[in-house]
Amino acid sequence: MDLCEKCNRENTLYEWCKECNVKHFRQNFENWSSGNFEIDKFIQDTQLSTDAFYTILEWIPYDRFYNIKHISNGSFSKVYRANWIDGYIRDWDNKNQNWTRVESNKLVALKSLNNSNNVTLEFINEIMFHYKMIRNNNNNISITQFYGITQDPETKNSMMVLDYAENESLRNYLDNNYNILSWNNKDSNFMEYCTRAL
């Protein structure tokens, strides 16, 4: 494992120092808010415990998305496709004192649970489920990556920001990845797919 160039401790992942990154996240807490205590606390807790870039969640202002198009309705949710201007956090840039981001203009899915303008237990459970899928996925093989939360300014509904899977169905995913997935992964991905379909 490589060493952090700032504190000289061993990184928890290539170019990812948990100790230093926790400080950067904590220093930025006062610069953002979703306007909802439960969501802010959930995001902050994940940022303080993350030991890899792919488990970071963040509050993403809605104006950081463009080309937002409604693509499907479920019984309990609506899904939109959008481009994310910034892309996701990869690591801390010590020289520029800012986060390095990758995949700018990334195509993402925005999943809005109906009536999540009143943050309900169902919405908190949904975001916790997606986050646990990322944290518990040892092979980092997942149908979707969960990047953070935003809010539709018109409906005030909270939305999860997820990977967009073009024409990806559970059947196609399992067919394409059958040999590299354990039974636990297959079961987890089935459960995640079912949740996404809601």
C-alpha atoms as a PDB file:
ATOM      1  CA  MET A   1       0.000   0.000   0.000  1.00  0.00           C
ATOM      2  CA  ASP A   2       1.296   3.502  -0.764  1.00  0.00           C
ATOM      3  CA  LEU A   3       1.841   6.224   1.826  1.00  0.00           C
ATOM      4  CA  CYS A   4      -0.038   9.488   2.135  1.00  0.00           C
ATOM      5  CA  GLU A   5       2.160  12.302   0.848  1.00  0.00           C
ATOM      6  CA  LYS A   6       0.804  14.662   3.503  1.00  0.00           C
ATOM      7  CA  CYS A   7       0.796  12.646   6.766  1.00  0.00           C
ATOM      8  CA  ASN A   8       3.043   9.747   5.660  1.00  0.00           C
ATOM      9  CA  ARG A   9       0.592   7.138   7.006  1.00  0.00           C
ATOM     10  CA  GLU A  10      -0.366   4.085   4.977  1.00  0.00           C
ATOM     11  CA  ASN A  11      -3.312   4.759   2.660  1.00  0.00           C
ATOM     12  CA  THR A  12      -6.426   2.605   2.993  1.00  0.00           C
ATOM     13  CA  LEU A  13      -6.659   2.472  -0.813  1.00  0.00           C
ATOM     14  CA  TYR A  14      -4.354   3.641  -3.592  1.00  0.00           C
ATOM     15  CA  GLU A  15      -3.971   7.426  -3.064  1.00  0.00           C
ATOM     16  CA  TRP A  16      -6.729   7.377  -0.419  1.00  0.00           C
ATOM     17  CA  CYS A  17      -5.773   8.428   3.102  1.00  0.00           C
ATOM     18  CA  LYS A  18      -8.756   7.984   5.391  1.00  0.00           C
ATOM     19  CA  GLU A  19      -7.251  10.137   8.163  1.00  0.00           C
ATOM     20  CA  CYS A  20      -6.549  13.142   5.929  1.00  0.00           C
ATOM     21  CA  ASN A  21      -9.727  12.843   3.859  1.00  0.00           C
ATOM     22  CA  VAL A  22     -11.929  12.753   6.960  1.00  0.00           C
ATOM     23  CA  LYS A  23     -10.392  16.127   7.921  1.00  0.00           C
ATOM     24  CA  HIS A  24     -11.154  17.569   4.459  1.00  0.00           C
ATOM     25  CA  PHE A  25     -14.759  16.360   4.596  1.00  0.00           C
ATOM     26  CA  ARG A  26     -15.247  17.668   8.152  1.00  0.00           C
ATOM     27  CA  GLN A  27     -13.853  21.110   7.240  1.00  0.00           C
ATOM     28  CA  ASN A  28     -16.398  21.333   4.400  1.00  0.00           C
ATOM     29  CA  PHE A  29     -19.506  20.440   6.451  1.00  0.00           C
ATOM     30  CA  GLU A  30     -20.402  24.092   7.010  1.00  0.00           C
ATOM     31  CA  ASN A  31     -20.292  24.821   3.254  1.00  0.00           C
ATOM     32  CA  TRP A  32     -23.262  22.662   2.268  1.00  0.00           C
ATOM     33  CA  SER A  33     -26.643  21.525   3.524  1.00  0.00           C
ATOM     34  CA  SER A  34     -29.563  19.633   2.049  1.00  0.00           C
ATOM     35  CA  GLY A  35     -31.876  21.555   4.349  1.00  0.00           C
ATOM     36  CA  ASN A  36     -32.766  18.307   6.109  1.00  0.00           C
ATOM     37  CA  PHE A  37     -31.013  17.216   9.304  1.00  0.00           C
ATOM     38  CA  GLU A  38     -31.432  13.453   8.701  1.00  0.00           C
ATOM     39  CA  ILE A  39     -29.994  13.591   5.176  1.00  0.00           C
ATOM     40  CA  ASP A  40     -27.100  15.855   6.230  1.00  0.00           C
ATOM     41  CA  LYS A  41     -26.269  13.561   9.144  1.00  0.00           C
ATOM     42  CA  PHE A  42     -26.395  10.454   6.950  1.00  0.00           C
ATOM     43  CA  ILE A  43     -24.081  11.984   4.327  1.00  0.00           C
ATOM     44  CA  GLN A  44     -21.687  13.321   6.970  1.00  0.00           C
ATOM     45  CA  ASP A  45     -21.546   9.945   8.744  1.00  0.00           C
ATOM     46  CA  THR A  46     -20.691   8.180   5.477  1.00  0.00           C
ATOM     47  CA  GLN A  47     -17.980  10.739   4.693  1.00  0.00           C
ATOM     48  CA  LEU A  48     -16.411  10.308   8.125  1.00  0.00           C
ATOM     49  CA  SER A  49     -16.343   6.520   7.850  1.00  0.00           C
ATOM     50  CA  THR A  50     -15.375   6.026   4.203  1.00  0.00           C
ATOM     51  CA  ASP A  51     -12.098   4.284   3.525  1.00  0.00           C
ATOM     52  CA  ALA A  52     -12.325   4.281  -0.283  1.00  0.00           C
ATOM     53  CA  PHE A  53     -13.418   6.772  -2.937  1.00  0.00           C
ATOM     54  CA  TYR A  54     -16.203   4.515  -4.238  1.00  0.00           C
ATOM     55  CA  THR A  55     -18.079   4.678  -0.920  1.00  0.00           C
ATOM     56  CA  ILE A  56     -18.259   8.495  -0.769  1.00  0.00           C
ATOM     57  CA  LEU A  57     -21.690  10.056  -0.703  1.00  0.00           C
ATOM     58  CA  GLU A  58     -22.195  13.764  -1.103  1.00  0.00           C
ATOM     59  CA  TRP A  59     -24.890  16.407  -1.276  1.00  0.00           C
ATOM     60  CA  ILE A  60     -25.082  17.421  -4.942  1.00  0.00           C
ATOM     61  CA  PRO A  61     -26.909  20.664  -5.776  1.00  0.00           C
ATOM     62  CA  TYR A  62     -29.563  20.096  -8.460  1.00  0.00           C
ATOM     63  CA  ASP A  63     -28.050  22.788 -10.677  1.00  0.00           C
ATOM     64  CA  ARG A  64     -25.024  20.509 -11.189  1.00  0.00           C
ATOM     65  CA  PHE A  65     -27.198  18.370 -13.497  1.00  0.00           C
ATOM     66  CA  TYR A  66     -28.372  19.124 -17.028  1.00  0.00           C
ATOM     67  CA  ASN A  67     -30.250  17.317 -19.836  1.00  0.00           C
ATOM     68  CA  ILE A  68     -32.625  15.949 -17.192  1.00  0.00           C
ATOM     69  CA  LYS A  69     -35.159  13.623 -18.831  1.00  0.00           C
ATOM     70  CA  HIS A  70     -37.880  11.527 -17.224  1.00  0.00           C
ATOM     71  CA  ILE A  71     -37.390   7.871 -18.237  1.00  0.00           C
ATOM     72  CA  SER A  72     -39.668   5.725 -16.078  1.00  0.00           C
ATOM     73  CA  ASN A  73     -42.273   5.525 -13.344  1.00  0.00           C
ATOM     74  CA  GLY A  74     -42.629   2.868 -10.703  1.00  0.00           C
ATOM     75  CA  SER A  75     -45.277   2.378  -8.066  1.00  0.00           C
ATOM     76  CA  PHE A  76     -43.235   4.346  -5.553  1.00  0.00           C
ATOM     77  CA  SER A  77     -40.652   6.248  -7.582  1.00  0.00           C
ATOM     78  CA  LYS A  78     -39.718   8.173 -10.706  1.00  0.00           C
ATOM     79  CA  VAL A  79     -36.407   7.810 -12.506  1.00  0.00           C
ATOM     80  CA  TYR A  80     -34.689  10.475 -14.589  1.00  0.00           C
ATOM     81  CA  ARG A  81     -31.578  10.431 -16.746  1.00  0.00           C
ATOM     82  CA  ALA A  82     -29.195  13.400 -16.415  1.00  0.00           C
ATOM     83  CA  ASN A  83     -25.644  14.551 -16.994  1.00  0.00           C
ATOM     84  CA  TRP A  84     -23.641  15.415 -13.875  1.00  0.00           C
ATOM     85  CA  ILE A  85     -21.331  18.352 -14.605  1.00  0.00           C
ATOM     86  CA  ASP A  86     -18.699  17.579 -11.963  1.00  0.00           C
ATOM     87  CA  GLY A  87     -18.392  13.806 -11.813  1.00  0.00           C
ATOM     88  CA  TYR A  88     -17.449  11.915  -8.682  1.00  0.00           C
ATOM     89  CA  ILE A  89     -14.683  12.474  -6.137  1.00  0.00           C
ATOM     90  CA  ARG A  90     -11.561  10.375  -6.743  1.00  0.00           C
ATOM     91  CA  ASP A  91      -9.007  11.750  -4.255  1.00  0.00           C
ATOM     92  CA  TRP A  92      -7.644  14.879  -2.583  1.00  0.00           C
ATOM     93  CA  ASP A  93      -5.289  17.107  -4.590  1.00  0.00           C
ATOM     94  CA  ASN A  94      -2.762  18.430  -2.058  1.00  0.00           C
ATOM     95  CA  LYS A  95      -1.316  20.929  -4.539  1.00  0.00           C
ATOM     96  CA  ASN A  96      -4.651  22.600  -5.391  1.00  0.00           C
ATOM     97  CA  GLN A  97      -6.245  21.891  -1.991  1.00  0.00           C
ATOM     98  CA  ASN A  98      -9.397  20.498  -3.552  1.00  0.00           C
ATOM     99  CA  TRP A  99     -11.021  17.203  -4.516  1.00  0.00           C
ATOM    100  CA  THR A 100      -9.965  15.613  -7.784  1.00  0.00           C
ATOM    101  CA  ARG A 101     -13.070  14.601  -9.720  1.00  0.00           C
ATOM    102  CA  VAL A 102     -13.389  12.198 -12.627  1.00  0.00           C
ATOM    103  CA  GLU A 103     -15.927  11.563 -15.370  1.00  0.00           C
ATOM    104  CA  SER A 104     -17.204  15.120 -15.715  1.00  0.00           C
ATOM    105  CA  ASN A 105     -20.532  15.303 -17.557  1.00  0.00           C
ATOM    106  CA  LYS A 106     -21.188  11.752 -16.377  1.00  0.00           C
ATOM    107  CA  LEU A 107     -24.515  10.176 -17.317  1.00  0.00           C
ATOM    108  CA  VAL A 108     -26.407   9.331 -14.102  1.00  0.00           C
ATOM    109  CA  ALA A 109     -29.852   8.243 -12.957  1.00  0.00           C
ATOM    110  CA  LEU A 110     -31.811  10.384 -10.517  1.00  0.00           C
ATOM    111  CA  LYS A 111     -34.226   8.246  -8.524  1.00  0.00           C
ATOM    112  CA  SER A 112     -36.955  10.126  -6.716  1.00  0.00           C
ATOM    113  CA  LEU A 113     -39.198   8.356  -4.233  1.00  0.00           C
ATOM    114  CA  ASN A 114     -42.716   9.727  -4.396  1.00  0.00           C
ATOM    115  CA  ASN A 115     -43.483  12.235  -1.640  1.00  0.00           C
ATOM    116  CA  SER A 116     -39.887  12.277  -0.384  1.00  0.00           C
ATOM    117  CA  ASN A 117     -40.248  16.037   0.115  1.00  0.00           C
ATOM    118  CA  ASN A 118     -41.201  14.919   3.625  1.00  0.00           C
ATOM    119  CA  VAL A 119     -38.148  12.776   4.261  1.00  0.00           C
ATOM    120  CA  THR A 120     -39.702   9.536   5.311  1.00  0.00           C
ATOM    121  CA  LEU A 121     -38.394   6.397   6.886  1.00  0.00           C
ATOM    122  CA  GLU A 122     -38.814   4.726   3.477  1.00  0.00           C
ATOM    123  CA  PHE A 123     -36.434   7.212   1.820  1.00  0.00           C
ATOM    124  CA  ILE A 124     -33.823   6.876   4.578  1.00  0.00           C
ATOM    125  CA  ASN A 125     -34.112   3.065   4.357  1.00  0.00           C
ATOM    126  CA  GLU A 126     -33.718   3.219   0.573  1.00  0.00           C
ATOM    127  CA  ILE A 127     -30.550   5.316   0.698  1.00  0.00           C
ATOM    128  CA  MET A 128     -29.127   3.156   3.485  1.00  0.00           C
ATOM    129  CA  PHE A 129     -29.811   0.017   1.432  1.00  0.00           C
ATOM    130  CA  HIS A 130     -27.964   1.389  -1.604  1.00  0.00           C
ATOM    131  CA  TYR A 131     -25.072   2.560   0.538  1.00  0.00           C
ATOM    132  CA  LYS A 132     -24.732  -0.818   2.275  1.00  0.00           C
ATOM    133  CA  MET A 133     -24.656  -2.513  -1.128  1.00  0.00           C
ATOM    134  CA  ILE A 134     -21.583  -0.466  -2.023  1.00  0.00           C
ATOM    135  CA  ARG A 135     -19.861  -0.945   1.356  1.00  0.00           C
ATOM    136  CA  ASN A 136     -20.457  -4.701   1.467  1.00  0.00           C
ATOM    137  CA  ASN A 137     -19.500  -5.426  -2.124  1.00  0.00           C
ATOM    138  CA  ASN A 138     -16.000  -6.877  -1.757  1.00  0.00           C
ATOM    139  CA  ASN A 139     -15.554  -7.403  -5.496  1.00  0.00           C
ATOM    140  CA  ASN A 140     -16.824  -3.877  -6.235  1.00  0.00           C
ATOM    141  CA  ILE A 141     -19.207  -5.462  -8.763  1.00  0.00           C
ATOM    142  CA  SER A 142     -22.585  -3.827  -8.647  1.00  0.00           C
ATOM    143  CA  ILE A 143     -25.374  -2.920 -11.005  1.00  0.00           C
ATOM    144  CA  THR A 144     -25.304   0.673  -9.786  1.00  0.00           C
ATOM    145  CA  GLN A 145     -22.938   2.996  -7.960  1.00  0.00           C
ATOM    146  CA  PHE A 146     -24.506   5.428  -5.490  1.00  0.00           C
ATOM    147  CA  TYR A 147     -22.908   8.900  -5.549  1.00  0.00           C
ATOM    148  CA  GLY A 148     -25.106  11.055  -3.378  1.00  0.00           C
ATOM    149  CA  ILE A 149     -28.378  12.868  -2.886  1.00  0.00           C
ATOM    150  CA  THR A 150     -29.947  15.907  -4.535  1.00  0.00           C
ATOM    151  CA  GLN A 151     -33.342  17.602  -4.435  1.00  0.00           C
ATOM    152  CA  ASP A 152     -35.707  18.575  -7.223  1.00  0.00           C
ATOM    153  CA  PRO A 153     -36.327  22.310  -6.604  1.00  0.00           C
ATOM    154  CA  GLU A 154     -39.863  22.142  -8.053  1.00  0.00           C
ATOM    155  CA  THR A 155     -41.287  19.099  -6.251  1.00  0.00           C
ATOM    156  CA  LYS A 156     -38.872  19.317  -3.291  1.00  0.00           C
ATOM    157  CA  ASN A 157     -38.502  15.528  -3.576  1.00  0.00           C
ATOM    158  CA  SER A 158     -35.145  14.103  -2.540  1.00  0.00           C
ATOM    159  CA  MET A 159     -33.388  12.065  -5.222  1.00  0.00           C
ATOM    160  CA  MET A 160     -30.629   9.485  -5.152  1.00  0.00           C
ATOM    161  CA  VAL A 161     -27.839   9.983  -7.695  1.00  0.00           C
ATOM    162  CA  LEU A 162     -26.920   6.576  -9.152  1.00  0.00           C
ATOM    163  CA  ASP A 163     -25.048   5.123 -12.099  1.00  0.00           C
ATOM    164  CA  TYR A 164     -27.136   5.099 -15.237  1.00  0.00           C
ATOM    165  CA  ALA A 165     -27.374   1.629 -16.783  1.00  0.00           C
ATOM    166  CA  GLU A 166     -28.273   1.937 -20.466  1.00  0.00           C
ATOM    167  CA  ASN A 167     -30.558  -0.968 -21.444  1.00  0.00           C
ATOM    168  CA  GLU A 168     -29.306  -2.992 -18.488  1.00  0.00           C
ATOM    169  CA  SER A 169     -31.698  -5.564 -17.142  1.00  0.00           C
ATOM    170  CA  LEU A 170     -31.121  -8.022 -14.342  1.00  0.00           C
ATOM    171  CA  ARG A 171     -31.116 -10.887 -16.858  1.00  0.00           C
ATOM    172  CA  ASN A 172     -28.445  -9.215 -19.040  1.00  0.00           C
ATOM    173  CA  TYR A 173     -26.353  -8.327 -16.023  1.00  0.00           C
ATOM    174  CA  LEU A 174     -26.400 -11.861 -14.595  1.00  0.00           C
ATOM    175  CA  ASP A 175     -25.756 -13.407 -18.029  1.00  0.00           C
ATOM    176  CA  ASN A 176     -22.744 -11.135 -18.597  1.00  0.00           C
ATOM    177  CA  ASN A 177     -21.283 -11.561 -15.092  1.00  0.00           C
ATOM    178  CA  TYR A 178     -22.430 -15.060 -14.074  1.00  0.00           C
ATOM    179  CA  ASN A 179     -18.928 -16.584 -13.841  1.00  0.00           C
ATOM    180  CA  ILE A 180     -17.466 -13.821 -11.680  1.00  0.00           C
ATOM    181  CA  LEU A 181     -20.340 -13.408  -9.222  1.00  0.00           C
ATOM    182  CA  SER A 182     -20.641 -15.429  -6.033  1.00  0.00           C
ATOM    183  CA  TRP A 183     -24.112 -16.582  -4.983  1.00  0.00           C
ATOM    184  CA  ASN A 184     -24.113 -13.796  -2.386  1.00  0.00           C
ATOM    185  CA  ASN A 185     -23.405 -11.235  -5.145  1.00  0.00           C
ATOM    186  CA  LYS A 186     -26.147 -12.725  -7.338  1.00  0.00           C
ATOM    187  CA  ASP A 187     -28.619 -12.539  -4.479  1.00  0.00           C
ATOM    188  CA  SER A 188     -27.520  -8.994  -3.553  1.00  0.00           C
ATOM    189  CA  ASN A 189     -27.751  -7.782  -7.145  1.00  0.00           C
ATOM    190  CA  PHE A 190     -31.193  -9.342  -7.497  1.00  0.00           C
ATOM    191  CA  MET A 191     -32.355  -7.491  -4.388  1.00  0.00           C
ATOM    192  CA  GLU A 192     -30.814  -4.240  -5.644  1.00  0.00           C
ATOM    193  CA  TYR A 193     -32.456  -4.644  -9.047  1.00  0.00           C
ATOM    194  CA  CYS A 194     -35.827  -5.238  -7.415  1.00  0.00           C
ATOM    195  CA  THR A 195     -35.392  -2.087  -5.344  1.00  0.00           C
ATOM    196  CA  ARG A 196     -34.406  -0.053  -8.437  1.00  0.00           C
ATOM    197  CA  ALA A 197     -37.504  -1.291 -10.231  1.00  0.00           C
ATOM    198  CA  LEU A 198     -39.842   0.154  -7.574  1.00  0.00           C
END
